[in-house]
Amino acid sequence: DLRDSVASGGLKGRDVIELLRERLVERLQGKNRTLAVSQQPPTVI
């Protein structure tokens, strides 16, 4: 993705770092990260 963006020209280091941040966050999104809670205690982990 970064190579494609660089090919278009004009990018500074700060632009690449921000783009890197966005792509890293995207790779981690969309997952349930909360610990389960049983409707009727006890919750067993």
PDB file of all heavy atoms in Angstrom:
ATOM      1  N   ASP A   1       0.829  -1.204   0.000  1.00  0.00           N
ATOM      2  CA  ASP A   1       0.000   0.000   0.000  1.00  0.00           C
ATOM      3  C   ASP A   1       0.870   1.262   0.000  1.00  0.00           C
ATOM      4  O   ASP A   1       0.617   2.222  -0.738  1.00  0.00           O
ATOM      5  CB  ASP A   1      -0.907  -0.020   1.244  1.00  0.00           C
ATOM      6  CG  ASP A   1      -2.013   1.027   1.164  1.00  0.00           C
ATOM      7  OD1 ASP A   1      -2.119   1.691   0.123  1.00  0.00           O
ATOM      8  OD2 ASP A   1      -2.766   1.167   2.144  1.00  0.00           O
ATOM      9  N   LEU A   2       1.929   1.252   0.817  1.00  0.00           N
ATOM     10  CA  LEU A   2       2.806   2.424   0.910  1.00  0.00           C
ATOM     11  C   LEU A   2       3.567   2.652  -0.396  1.00  0.00           C
ATOM     12  O   LEU A   2       3.771   3.798  -0.811  1.00  0.00           O
ATOM     13  CB  LEU A   2       3.780   2.256   2.071  1.00  0.00           C
ATOM     14  CG  LEU A   2       3.183   2.290   3.477  1.00  0.00           C
ATOM     15  CD1 LEU A   2       4.273   2.088   4.520  1.00  0.00           C
ATOM     16  CD2 LEU A   2       2.458   3.605   3.733  1.00  0.00           C
ATOM     17  N   ARG A   3       3.969   1.581  -1.034  1.00  0.00           N
ATOM     18  CA  ARG A   3       4.686   1.735  -2.313  1.00  0.00           C
ATOM     19  C   ARG A   3       3.794   2.410  -3.353  1.00  0.00           C
ATOM     20  O   ARG A   3       4.255   3.257  -4.132  1.00  0.00           O
ATOM     21  CB  ARG A   3       5.157   0.375  -2.830  1.00  0.00           C
ATOM     22  CG  ARG A   3       6.299  -0.235  -2.038  1.00  0.00           C
ATOM     23  CD  ARG A   3       6.922  -1.420  -2.775  1.00  0.00           C
ATOM     24  NE  ARG A   3       7.776  -2.207  -1.911  1.00  0.00           N
ATOM     25  CZ  ARG A   3       9.015  -1.874  -1.571  1.00  0.00           C
ATOM     26  NH1 ARG A   3       9.529  -0.745  -2.040  1.00  0.00           N
ATOM     27  NH2 ARG A   3       9.726  -2.653  -0.780  1.00  0.00           N
ATOM     28  N   ASP A   4       2.529   2.027  -3.365  1.00  0.00           N
ATOM     29  CA  ASP A   4       1.598   2.654  -4.303  1.00  0.00           C
ATOM     30  C   ASP A   4       1.460   4.146  -4.012  1.00  0.00           C
ATOM     31  O   ASP A   4       1.400   4.969  -4.934  1.00  0.00           O
ATOM     32  CB  ASP A   4       0.227   1.981  -4.200  1.00  0.00           C
ATOM     33  CG  ASP A   4       0.236   0.563  -4.762  1.00  0.00           C
ATOM     34  OD1 ASP A   4       1.168   0.231  -5.510  1.00  0.00           O
ATOM     35  OD2 ASP A   4      -0.687  -0.204  -4.418  1.00  0.00           O
ATOM     36  N   SER A   5       1.402   4.484  -2.731  1.00  0.00           N
ATOM     37  CA  SER A   5       1.248   5.887  -2.351  1.00  0.00           C
ATOM     38  C   SER A   5       2.503   6.693  -2.695  1.00  0.00           C
ATOM     39  O   SER A   5       2.422   7.837  -3.158  1.00  0.00           O
ATOM     40  CB  SER A   5       0.964   5.989  -0.846  1.00  0.00           C
ATOM     41  OG  SER A   5      -0.245   5.346  -0.519  1.00  0.00           O
ATOM     42  N   VAL A   6       3.677   6.094  -2.457  1.00  0.00           N
ATOM     43  CA  VAL A   6       4.938   6.775  -2.758  1.00  0.00           C
ATOM     44  C   VAL A   6       5.096   6.992  -4.253  1.00  0.00           C
ATOM     45  O   VAL A   6       5.624   8.016  -4.712  1.00  0.00           O
ATOM     46  CB  VAL A   6       6.129   5.959  -2.202  1.00  0.00           C
ATOM     47  CG1 VAL A   6       7.452   6.503  -2.741  1.00  0.00           C
ATOM     48  CG2 VAL A   6       6.126   5.992  -0.683  1.00  0.00           C
ATOM     49  N   ALA A   7       4.604   6.044  -5.051  1.00  0.00           N
ATOM     50  CA  ALA A   7       4.723   6.144  -6.507  1.00  0.00           C
ATOM     51  C   ALA A   7       4.013   7.378  -7.055  1.00  0.00           C
ATOM     52  O   ALA A   7       4.400   7.931  -8.084  1.00  0.00           O
ATOM     53  CB  ALA A   7       4.162   4.889  -7.166  1.00  0.00           C
ATOM     54  N   SER A   8       2.991   7.814  -6.314  1.00  0.00           N
ATOM     55  CA  SER A   8       2.260   9.005  -6.758  1.00  0.00           C
ATOM     56  C   SER A   8       3.033  10.280  -6.474  1.00  0.00           C
ATOM     57  O   SER A   8       2.714  11.343  -7.000  1.00  0.00           O
ATOM     58  CB  SER A   8       0.886   9.074  -6.073  1.00  0.00           C
ATOM     59  OG  SER A   8       1.036   9.212  -4.663  1.00  0.00           O
ATOM     60  N   GLY A   9       4.077  10.166  -5.621  1.00  0.00           N
ATOM     61  CA  GLY A   9       4.989  11.284  -5.387  1.00  0.00           C
ATOM     62  C   GLY A   9       4.533  12.277  -4.330  1.00  0.00           C
ATOM     63  O   GLY A   9       3.367  12.330  -3.944  1.00  0.00           O
ATOM     64  N   GLY A  10       5.487  13.053  -3.832  1.00  0.00           N
ATOM     65  CA  GLY A  10       5.193  14.168  -2.940  1.00  0.00           C
ATOM     66  C   GLY A  10       5.013  13.835  -1.477  1.00  0.00           C
ATOM     67  O   GLY A  10       4.694  14.729  -0.683  1.00  0.00           O
ATOM     68  N   LEU A  11       5.213  12.603  -1.082  1.00  0.00           N
ATOM     69  CA  LEU A  11       4.999  12.245   0.311  1.00  0.00           C
ATOM     70  C   LEU A  11       6.218  12.567   1.159  1.00  0.00           C
ATOM     71  O   LEU A  11       7.362  12.348   0.760  1.00  0.00           O
ATOM     72  CB  LEU A  11       4.683  10.755   0.448  1.00  0.00           C
ATOM     73  CG  LEU A  11       3.289  10.279   0.030  1.00  0.00           C
ATOM     74  CD1 LEU A  11       3.172   8.786   0.288  1.00  0.00           C
ATOM     75  CD2 LEU A  11       2.211  11.028   0.786  1.00  0.00           C
ATOM     76  N   LYS A  12       5.981  13.103   2.342  1.00  0.00           N
ATOM     77  CA  LYS A  12       7.016  13.319   3.335  1.00  0.00           C
ATOM     78  C   LYS A  12       6.962  12.189   4.355  1.00  0.00           C
ATOM     79  O   LYS A  12       5.989  11.436   4.430  1.00  0.00           O
ATOM     80  CB  LYS A  12       6.816  14.661   4.035  1.00  0.00           C
ATOM     81  CG  LYS A  12       6.952  15.872   3.140  1.00  0.00           C
ATOM     82  CD  LYS A  12       8.404  16.067   2.708  1.00  0.00           C
ATOM     83  CE  LYS A  12       8.582  17.360   1.920  1.00  0.00           C
ATOM     84  NZ  LYS A  12       9.993  17.555   1.492  1.00  0.00           N
ATOM     85  N   GLY A  13       8.014  12.105   5.161  1.00  0.00           N
ATOM     86  CA  GLY A  13       8.078  11.064   6.165  1.00  0.00           C
ATOM     87  C   GLY A  13       6.891  11.065   7.099  1.00  0.00           C
ATOM     88  O   GLY A  13       6.348  10.021   7.443  1.00  0.00           O
ATOM     89  N   ARG A  14       6.462  12.271   7.505  1.00  0.00           N
ATOM     90  CA  ARG A  14       5.325  12.358   8.437  1.00  0.00           C
ATOM     91  C   ARG A  14       4.053  11.798   7.801  1.00  0.00           C
ATOM     92  O   ARG A  14       3.209  11.222   8.485  1.00  0.00           O
ATOM     93  CB  ARG A  14       5.112  13.805   8.881  1.00  0.00           C
ATOM     94  CG  ARG A  14       4.684  14.767   7.801  1.00  0.00           C
ATOM     95  CD  ARG A  14       4.426  16.167   8.365  1.00  0.00           C
ATOM     96  NE  ARG A  14       5.650  16.732   8.882  1.00  0.00           N
ATOM     97  CZ  ARG A  14       6.520  17.437   8.139  1.00  0.00           C
ATOM     98  NH1 ARG A  14       6.290  17.598   6.834  1.00  0.00           N
ATOM     99  NH2 ARG A  14       7.608  17.935   8.663  1.00  0.00           N
ATOM    100  N   ASP A  15       3.916  11.960   6.480  1.00  0.00           N
ATOM    101  CA  ASP A  15       2.744  11.418   5.789  1.00  0.00           C
ATOM    102  C   ASP A  15       2.755   9.892   5.813  1.00  0.00           C
ATOM    103  O   ASP A  15       1.727   9.243   6.020  1.00  0.00           O
ATOM    104  CB  ASP A  15       2.721  11.894   4.326  1.00  0.00           C
ATOM    105  CG  ASP A  15       2.707  13.408   4.202  1.00  0.00           C
ATOM    106  OD1 ASP A  15       1.970  14.046   4.981  1.00  0.00           O
ATOM    107  OD2 ASP A  15       3.431  13.939   3.350  1.00  0.00           O
ATOM    108  N   VAL A  16       3.925   9.321   5.623  1.00  0.00           N
ATOM    109  CA  VAL A  16       4.058   7.868   5.613  1.00  0.00           C
ATOM    110  C   VAL A  16       3.798   7.293   7.004  1.00  0.00           C
ATOM    111  O   VAL A  16       3.159   6.254   7.153  1.00  0.00           O
ATOM    112  CB  VAL A  16       5.458   7.460   5.107  1.00  0.00           C
ATOM    113  CG1 VAL A  16       5.690   5.961   5.315  1.00  0.00           C
ATOM    114  CG2 VAL A  16       5.602   7.796   3.636  1.00  0.00           C
ATOM    115  N   ILE A  17       4.292   7.990   8.031  1.00  0.00           N
ATOM    116  CA  ILE A  17       4.075   7.520   9.407  1.00  0.00           C
ATOM    117  C   ILE A  17       2.591   7.524   9.744  1.00  0.00           C
ATOM    118  O   ILE A  17       2.069   6.589  10.351  1.00  0.00           O
ATOM    119  CB  ILE A  17       4.858   8.389  10.411  1.00  0.00           C
ATOM    120  CG1 ILE A  17       6.361   8.219  10.185  1.00  0.00           C
ATOM    121  CG2 ILE A  17       4.498   8.007  11.848  1.00  0.00           C
ATOM    122  CD1 ILE A  17       7.216   9.174  10.985  1.00  0.00           C
ATOM    123  N   GLU A  18       1.895   8.564   9.327  1.00  0.00           N
ATOM    124  CA  GLU A  18       0.456   8.640   9.592  1.00  0.00           C
ATOM    125  C   GLU A  18      -0.287   7.552   8.810  1.00  0.00           C
ATOM    126  O   GLU A  18      -1.218   6.930   9.333  1.00  0.00           O
ATOM    127  CB  GLU A  18      -0.085  10.013   9.201  1.00  0.00           C
ATOM    128  CG  GLU A  18      -1.586  10.191   9.441  1.00  0.00           C
ATOM    129  CD  GLU A  18      -2.001   9.946  10.884  1.00  0.00           C
ATOM    130  OE1 GLU A  18      -1.249  10.331  11.797  1.00  0.00           O
ATOM    131  OE2 GLU A  18      -3.079   9.342  11.091  1.00  0.00           O
ATOM    132  N   LEU A  19       0.135   7.327   7.578  1.00  0.00           N
ATOM    133  CA  LEU A  19      -0.482   6.273   6.775  1.00  0.00           C
ATOM    134  C   LEU A  19      -0.197   4.902   7.390  1.00  0.00           C
ATOM    135  O   LEU A  19      -1.078   4.032   7.427  1.00  0.00           O
ATOM    136  CB  LEU A  19       0.049   6.329   5.338  1.00  0.00           C
ATOM    137  CG  LEU A  19      -0.639   5.417   4.314  1.00  0.00           C
ATOM    138  CD1 LEU A  19      -2.135   5.697   4.246  1.00  0.00           C
ATOM    139  CD2 LEU A  19       0.005   5.592   2.937  1.00  0.00           C
ATOM    140  N   LEU A  20       1.009   4.729   7.889  1.00  0.00           N
ATOM    141  CA  LEU A  20       1.368   3.481   8.560  1.00  0.00           C
ATOM    142  C   LEU A  20       0.483   3.261   9.775  1.00  0.00           C
ATOM    143  O   LEU A  20      -0.027   2.154   9.995  1.00  0.00           O
ATOM    144  CB  LEU A  20       2.837   3.519   8.995  1.00  0.00           C
ATOM    145  CG  LEU A  20       3.310   2.364   9.892  1.00  0.00           C
ATOM    146  CD1 LEU A  20       3.210   1.032   9.148  1.00  0.00           C
ATOM    147  CD2 LEU A  20       4.744   2.623  10.363  1.00  0.00           C
ATOM    148  N   ARG A  21       0.281   4.309  10.553  1.00  0.00           N
ATOM    149  CA  ARG A  21      -0.579   4.200  11.735  1.00  0.00           C
ATOM    150  C   ARG A  21      -1.983   3.747  11.336  1.00  0.00           C
ATOM    151  O   ARG A  21      -2.555   2.838  11.955  1.00  0.00           O
ATOM    152  CB  ARG A  21      -0.668   5.541  12.462  1.00  0.00           C
ATOM    153  CG  ARG A  21      -1.615   5.505  13.656  1.00  0.00           C
ATOM    154  CD  ARG A  21      -1.990   6.905  14.135  1.00  0.00           C
ATOM    155  NE  ARG A  21      -2.946   6.806  15.231  1.00  0.00           N
ATOM    156  CZ  ARG A  21      -4.253   6.628  15.075  1.00  0.00           C
ATOM    157  NH1 ARG A  21      -4.776   6.529  13.848  1.00  0.00           N
ATOM    158  NH2 ARG A  21      -5.050   6.546  16.120  1.00  0.00           N
ATOM    159  N   GLU A  22      -2.545   4.385  10.312  1.00  0.00           N
ATOM    160  CA  GLU A  22      -3.900   4.035   9.869  1.00  0.00           C
ATOM    161  C   GLU A  22      -3.985   2.575   9.443  1.00  0.00           C
ATOM    162  O   GLU A  22      -4.946   1.865   9.798  1.00  0.00           O
ATOM    163  CB  GLU A  22      -4.308   4.946   8.706  1.00  0.00           C
ATOM    164  CG  GLU A  22      -4.510   6.406   9.097  1.00  0.00           C
ATOM    165  CD  GLU A  22      -4.815   7.269   7.887  1.00  0.00           C
ATOM    166  OE1 GLU A  22      -4.928   6.706   6.761  1.00  0.00           O
ATOM    167  OE2 GLU A  22      -4.924   8.504   8.045  1.00  0.00           O
ATOM    168  N   ARG A  23      -2.984   2.109   8.707  1.00  0.00           N
ATOM    169  CA  ARG A  23      -3.023   0.737   8.207  1.00  0.00           C
ATOM    170  C   ARG A  23      -2.842  -0.285   9.336  1.00  0.00           C
ATOM    171  O   ARG A  23      -3.473  -1.341   9.328  1.00  0.00           O
ATOM    172  CB  ARG A  23      -1.937   0.529   7.142  1.00  0.00           C
ATOM    173  CG  ARG A  23      -2.143   1.365   5.888  1.00  0.00           C
ATOM    174  CD  ARG A  23      -3.463   1.006   5.201  1.00  0.00           C
ATOM    175  NE  ARG A  23      -3.681   1.832   4.021  1.00  0.00           N
ATOM    176  CZ  ARG A  23      -4.415   2.941   4.005  1.00  0.00           C
ATOM    177  NH1 ARG A  23      -5.022   3.343   5.118  1.00  0.00           N
ATOM    178  NH2 ARG A  23      -4.564   3.648   2.907  1.00  0.00           N
ATOM    179  N   LEU A  24      -2.008   0.031  10.300  1.00  0.00           N
ATOM    180  CA  LEU A  24      -1.818  -0.871  11.435  1.00  0.00           C
ATOM    181  C   LEU A  24      -3.100  -0.994  12.256  1.00  0.00           C
ATOM    182  O   LEU A  24      -3.490  -2.093  12.664  1.00  0.00           O
ATOM    183  CB  LEU A  24      -0.672  -0.381  12.325  1.00  0.00           C
ATOM    184  CG  LEU A  24       0.737  -0.554  11.766  1.00  0.00           C
ATOM    185  CD1 LEU A  24       1.754   0.129  12.683  1.00  0.00           C
ATOM    186  CD2 LEU A  24       1.091  -2.020  11.580  1.00  0.00           C
ATOM    187  N   VAL A  25      -3.762   0.127  12.497  1.00  0.00           N
ATOM    188  CA  VAL A  25      -5.018   0.094  13.255  1.00  0.00           C
ATOM    189  C   VAL A  25      -6.067  -0.713  12.495  1.00  0.00           C
ATOM    190  O   VAL A  25      -6.796  -1.521  13.083  1.00  0.00           O
ATOM    191  CB  VAL A  25      -5.531   1.520  13.538  1.00  0.00           C
ATOM    192  CG1 VAL A  25      -6.941   1.476  14.126  1.00  0.00           C
ATOM    193  CG2 VAL A  25      -4.593   2.250  14.501  1.00  0.00           C
ATOM    194  N   GLU A  26      -6.136  -0.506  11.182  1.00  0.00           N
ATOM    195  CA  GLU A  26      -7.111  -1.235  10.364  1.00  0.00           C
ATOM    196  C   GLU A  26      -6.924  -2.747  10.474  1.00  0.00           C
ATOM    197  O   GLU A  26      -7.898  -3.501  10.489  1.00  0.00           O
ATOM    198  CB  GLU A  26      -6.978  -0.803   8.899  1.00  0.00           C
ATOM    199  CG  GLU A  26      -7.545   0.570   8.605  1.00  0.00           C
ATOM    200  CD  GLU A  26      -7.271   1.009   7.177  1.00  0.00           C
ATOM    201  OE1 GLU A  26      -6.649   0.215   6.421  1.00  0.00           O
ATOM    202  OE2 GLU A  26      -7.639   2.145   6.813  1.00  0.00           O
ATOM    203  N   ARG A  27      -5.669  -3.197  10.564  1.00  0.00           N
ATOM    204  CA  ARG A  27      -5.399  -4.638  10.646  1.00  0.00           C
ATOM    205  C   ARG A  27      -5.951  -5.248  11.930  1.00  0.00           C
ATOM    206  O   ARG A  27      -6.178  -6.456  12.000  1.00  0.00           O
ATOM    207  CB  ARG A  27      -3.892  -4.916  10.602  1.00  0.00           C
ATOM    208  CG  ARG A  27      -3.170  -4.394   9.399  1.00  0.00           C
ATOM    209  CD  ARG A  27      -3.580  -5.034   8.115  1.00  0.00           C
ATOM    210  NE  ARG A  27      -3.258  -6.458   8.021  1.00  0.00           N
ATOM    211  CZ  ARG A  27      -3.377  -7.162   6.910  1.00  0.00           C
ATOM    212  NH1 ARG A  27      -3.814  -6.595   5.798  1.00  0.00           N
ATOM    213  NH2 ARG A  27      -3.086  -8.453   6.899  1.00  0.00           N
ATOM    214  N   LEU A  28      -6.179  -4.416  12.942  1.00  0.00           N
ATOM    215  CA  LEU A  28      -6.598  -4.919  14.255  1.00  0.00           C
ATOM    216  C   LEU A  28      -8.079  -4.673  14.552  1.00  0.00           C
ATOM    217  O   LEU A  28      -8.568  -5.091  15.597  1.00  0.00           O
ATOM    218  CB  LEU A  28      -5.753  -4.259  15.359  1.00  0.00           C
ATOM    219  CG  LEU A  28      -4.254  -4.561  15.329  1.00  0.00           C
ATOM    220  CD1 LEU A  28      -3.523  -3.675  16.333  1.00  0.00           C
ATOM    221  CD2 LEU A  28      -3.986  -6.035  15.612  1.00  0.00           C
ATOM    222  N   GLN A  29      -8.766  -4.011  13.654  1.00  0.00           N
ATOM    223  CA  GLN A  29     -10.161  -3.665  13.923  1.00  0.00           C
ATOM    224  C   GLN A  29     -11.105  -4.823  13.576  1.00  0.00           C
ATOM    225  O   GLN A  29     -10.749  -5.758  12.890  1.00  0.00           O
ATOM    226  CB  GLN A  29     -10.543  -2.406  13.144  1.00  0.00           C
ATOM    227  CG  GLN A  29      -9.904  -1.148  13.699  1.00  0.00           C
ATOM    228  CD  GLN A  29     -10.288   0.100  12.917  1.00  0.00           C
ATOM    229  OE1 GLN A  29     -10.594   0.036  11.725  1.00  0.00           O
ATOM    230  NE2 GLN A  29     -10.269   1.246  13.581  1.00  0.00           N
ATOM    231  N   GLY A  30     -12.332  -4.706  14.123  1.00  0.00           N
ATOM    232  CA  GLY A  30     -13.383  -5.646  13.766  1.00  0.00           C
ATOM    233  C   GLY A  30     -13.442  -6.905  14.598  1.00  0.00           C
ATOM    234  O   GLY A  30     -14.132  -7.864  14.234  1.00  0.00           O
ATOM    235  N   LYS A  31     -12.725  -6.932  15.739  1.00  0.00           N
ATOM    236  CA  LYS A  31     -12.747  -8.119  16.599  1.00  0.00           C
ATOM    237  C   LYS A  31     -13.332  -7.768  17.967  1.00  0.00           C
ATOM    238  O   LYS A  31     -13.160  -6.651  18.458  1.00  0.00           O
ATOM    239  CB  LYS A  31     -11.338  -8.695  16.777  1.00  0.00           C
ATOM    240  CG  LYS A  31     -10.714  -9.225  15.486  1.00  0.00           C
ATOM    241  CD  LYS A  31      -9.368  -9.841  15.769  1.00  0.00           C
ATOM    242  CE  LYS A  31      -8.759 -10.445  14.497  1.00  0.00           C
ATOM    243  NZ  LYS A  31      -8.377  -9.425  13.534  1.00  0.00           N
ATOM    244  N   ASN A  32     -14.022  -8.737  18.557  1.00  0.00           N
ATOM    245  CA  ASN A  32     -14.581  -8.551  19.891  1.00  0.00           C
ATOM    246  C   ASN A  32     -13.489  -8.772  20.929  1.00  0.00           C
ATOM    247  O   ASN A  32     -12.973  -9.888  21.070  1.00  0.00           O
ATOM    248  CB  ASN A  32     -15.734  -9.528  20.122  1.00  0.00           C
ATOM    249  CG  ASN A  32     -16.337  -9.393  21.511  1.00  0.00           C
ATOM    250  OD1 ASN A  32     -16.035  -8.463  22.258  1.00  0.00           O
ATOM    251  ND2 ASN A  32     -17.207 -10.313  21.882  1.00  0.00           N
ATOM    252  N   ARG A  33     -13.129  -7.749  21.666  1.00  0.00           N
ATOM    253  CA  ARG A  33     -12.030  -7.840  22.629  1.00  0.00           C
ATOM    254  C   ARG A  33     -12.502  -7.776  24.084  1.00  0.00           C
ATOM    255  O   ARG A  33     -11.689  -7.705  24.998  1.00  0.00           O
ATOM    256  CB  ARG A  33     -11.010  -6.727  22.355  1.00  0.00           C
ATOM    257  CG  ARG A  33     -10.455  -6.790  20.943  1.00  0.00           C
ATOM    258  CD  ARG A  33      -9.336  -5.799  20.698  1.00  0.00           C
ATOM    259  NE  ARG A  33      -8.963  -5.807  19.286  1.00  0.00           N
ATOM    260  CZ  ARG A  33      -8.154  -6.712  18.732  1.00  0.00           C
ATOM    261  NH1 ARG A  33      -7.643  -7.664  19.474  1.00  0.00           N
ATOM    262  NH2 ARG A  33      -7.865  -6.658  17.444  1.00  0.00           N
ATOM    263  N   THR A  34     -13.782  -7.785  24.295  1.00  0.00           N
ATOM    264  CA  THR A  34     -14.301  -7.753  25.663  1.00  0.00           C
ATOM    265  C   THR A  34     -14.326  -9.168  26.239  1.00  0.00           C
ATOM    266  O   THR A  34     -14.545 -10.144  25.515  1.00  0.00           O
ATOM    267  CB  THR A  34     -15.718  -7.161  25.713  1.00  0.00           C
ATOM    268  OG1 THR A  34     -16.588  -7.973  24.901  1.00  0.00           O
ATOM    269  CG2 THR A  34     -15.713  -5.731  25.197  1.00  0.00           C
ATOM    270  N   LEU A  35     -14.123  -9.271  27.541  1.00  0.00           N
ATOM    271  CA  LEU A  35     -14.233 -10.569  28.203  1.00  0.00           C
ATOM    272  C   LEU A  35     -15.708 -10.915  28.371  1.00  0.00           C
ATOM    273  O   LEU A  35     -16.521 -10.065  28.720  1.00  0.00           O
ATOM    274  CB  LEU A  35     -13.551 -10.531  29.573  1.00  0.00           C
ATOM    275  CG  LEU A  35     -12.029 -10.369  29.578  1.00  0.00           C
ATOM    276  CD1 LEU A  35     -11.503 -10.427  31.003  1.00  0.00           C
ATOM    277  CD2 LEU A  35     -11.356 -11.431  28.721  1.00  0.00           C
ATOM    278  N   ALA A  36     -16.023 -12.159  28.126  1.00  0.00           N
ATOM    279  CA  ALA A  36     -17.418 -12.603  28.189  1.00  0.00           C
ATOM    280  C   ALA A  36     -17.971 -12.491  29.607  1.00  0.00           C
ATOM    281  O   ALA A  36     -17.250 -12.611  30.598  1.00  0.00           O
ATOM    282  CB  ALA A  36     -17.515 -14.049  27.717  1.00  0.00           C
ATOM    283  N   VAL A  37     -19.263 -12.247  29.682  1.00  0.00           N
ATOM    284  CA  VAL A  37     -19.971 -12.202  30.961  1.00  0.00           C
ATOM    285  C   VAL A  37     -21.216 -13.076  30.841  1.00  0.00           C
ATOM    286  O   VAL A  37     -22.043 -12.873  29.954  1.00  0.00           O
ATOM    287  CB  VAL A  37     -20.386 -10.766  31.343  1.00  0.00           C
ATOM    288  CG1 VAL A  37     -21.142 -10.767  32.670  1.00  0.00           C
ATOM    289  CG2 VAL A  37     -19.172  -9.860  31.443  1.00  0.00           C
ATOM    290  N   SER A  38     -21.338 -14.049  31.723  1.00  0.00           N
ATOM    291  CA  SER A  38     -22.497 -14.928  31.706  1.00  0.00           C
ATOM    292  C   SER A  38     -23.730 -14.195  32.238  1.00  0.00           C
ATOM    293  O   SER A  38     -23.635 -13.409  33.188  1.00  0.00           O
ATOM    294  CB  SER A  38     -22.227 -16.160  32.574  1.00  0.00           C
ATOM    295  OG  SER A  38     -23.384 -16.950  32.686  1.00  0.00           O
ATOM    296  N   GLN A  39     -24.877 -14.430  31.620  1.00  0.00           N
ATOM    297  CA  GLN A  39     -26.115 -13.815  32.109  1.00  0.00           C
ATOM    298  C   GLN A  39     -26.447 -14.309  33.506  1.00  0.00           C
ATOM    299  O   GLN A  39     -27.040 -13.588  34.309  1.00  0.00           O
ATOM    300  CB  GLN A  39     -27.265 -14.125  31.144  1.00  0.00           C
ATOM    301  CG  GLN A  39     -27.134 -13.444  29.794  1.00  0.00           C
ATOM    302  CD  GLN A  39     -28.330 -13.695  28.897  1.00  0.00           C
ATOM    303  OE1 GLN A  39     -29.166 -14.557  29.165  1.00  0.00           O
ATOM    304  NE2 GLN A  39     -28.430 -12.934  27.819  1.00  0.00           N
ATOM    305  N   GLN A  40     -26.054 -15.552  33.788  1.00  0.00           N
ATOM    306  CA  GLN A  40     -26.285 -16.135  35.111  1.00  0.00           C
ATOM    307  C   GLN A  40     -24.931 -16.464  35.741  1.00  0.00           C
ATOM    308  O   GLN A  40     -24.230 -17.350  35.290  1.00  0.00           O
ATOM    309  CB  GLN A  40     -27.121 -17.422  34.991  1.00  0.00           C
ATOM    310  CG  GLN A  40     -27.386 -18.127  36.313  1.00  0.00           C
ATOM    311  CD  GLN A  40     -28.260 -17.294  37.242  1.00  0.00           C
ATOM    312  OE1 GLN A  40     -29.207 -16.653  36.805  1.00  0.00           O
ATOM    313  NE2 GLN A  40     -27.932 -17.302  38.533  1.00  0.00           N
ATOM    314  N   PRO A  41     -24.509 -15.731  36.792  1.00  0.00           N
ATOM    315  CA  PRO A  41     -23.217 -16.018  37.429  1.00  0.00           C
ATOM    316  C   PRO A  41     -23.169 -17.455  37.940  1.00  0.00           C
ATOM    317  O   PRO A  41     -24.214 -18.040  38.242  1.00  0.00           O
ATOM    318  CB  PRO A  41     -23.177 -15.015  38.592  1.00  0.00           C
ATOM    319  CG  PRO A  41     -24.148 -13.938  38.195  1.00  0.00           C
ATOM    320  CD  PRO A  41     -25.233 -14.629  37.443  1.00  0.00           C
ATOM    321  N   PRO A  42     -21.956 -18.026  38.030  1.00  0.00           N
ATOM    322  CA  PRO A  42     -20.668 -17.361  37.793  1.00  0.00           C
ATOM    323  C   PRO A  42     -20.237 -17.381  36.324  1.00  0.00           C
ATOM    324  O   PRO A  42     -20.574 -18.310  35.583  1.00  0.00           O
ATOM    325  CB  PRO A  42     -19.703 -18.211  38.628  1.00  0.00           C
ATOM    326  CG  PRO A  42     -20.292 -19.592  38.546  1.00  0.00           C
ATOM    327  CD  PRO A  42     -21.777 -19.400  38.559  1.00  0.00           C
ATOM    328  N   THR A  43     -19.496 -16.351  35.939  1.00  0.00           N
ATOM    329  CA  THR A  43     -18.786 -16.381  34.666  1.00  0.00           C
ATOM    330  C   THR A  43     -17.518 -17.192  34.881  1.00  0.00           C
ATOM    331  O   THR A  43     -16.791 -16.970  35.851  1.00  0.00           O
ATOM    332  CB  THR A  43     -18.411 -14.954  34.222  1.00  0.00           C
ATOM    333  OG1 THR A  43     -19.602 -14.225  33.924  1.00  0.00           O
ATOM    334  CG2 THR A  43     -17.520 -14.986  32.987  1.00  0.00           C
ATOM    335  N   VAL A  44     -17.265 -18.140  33.996  1.00  0.00           N
ATOM    336  CA  VAL A  44     -16.102 -19.011  34.148  1.00  0.00           C
ATOM    337  C   VAL A  44     -15.060 -18.666  33.084  1.00  0.00           C
ATOM    338  O   VAL A  44     -15.358 -18.662  31.885  1.00  0.00           O
ATOM    339  CB  VAL A  44     -16.491 -20.496  34.022  1.00  0.00           C
ATOM    340  CG1 VAL A  44     -15.250 -21.380  34.156  1.00  0.00           C
ATOM    341  CG2 VAL A  44     -17.531 -20.861  35.070  1.00  0.00           C
ATOM    342  N   ILE A  45     -13.852 -18.364  33.553  1.00  0.00           N
ATOM    343  CA  ILE A  45     -12.734 -18.062  32.651  1.00  0.00           C
ATOM    344  C   ILE A  45     -11.656 -19.118  32.848  1.00  0.00           C
ATOM    345  O   ILE A  45     -11.076 -19.239  33.931  1.00  0.00           O
ATOM    346  CB  ILE A  45     -12.153 -16.662  32.916  1.00  0.00           C
ATOM    347  CG1 ILE A  45     -13.243 -15.582  32.750  1.00  0.00           C
ATOM    348  CG2 ILE A  45     -10.987 -16.385  31.968  1.00  0.00           C
ATOM    349  CD1 ILE A  45     -12.769 -14.173  33.054  1.00  0.00           C
TER     350      ILE A  45
END
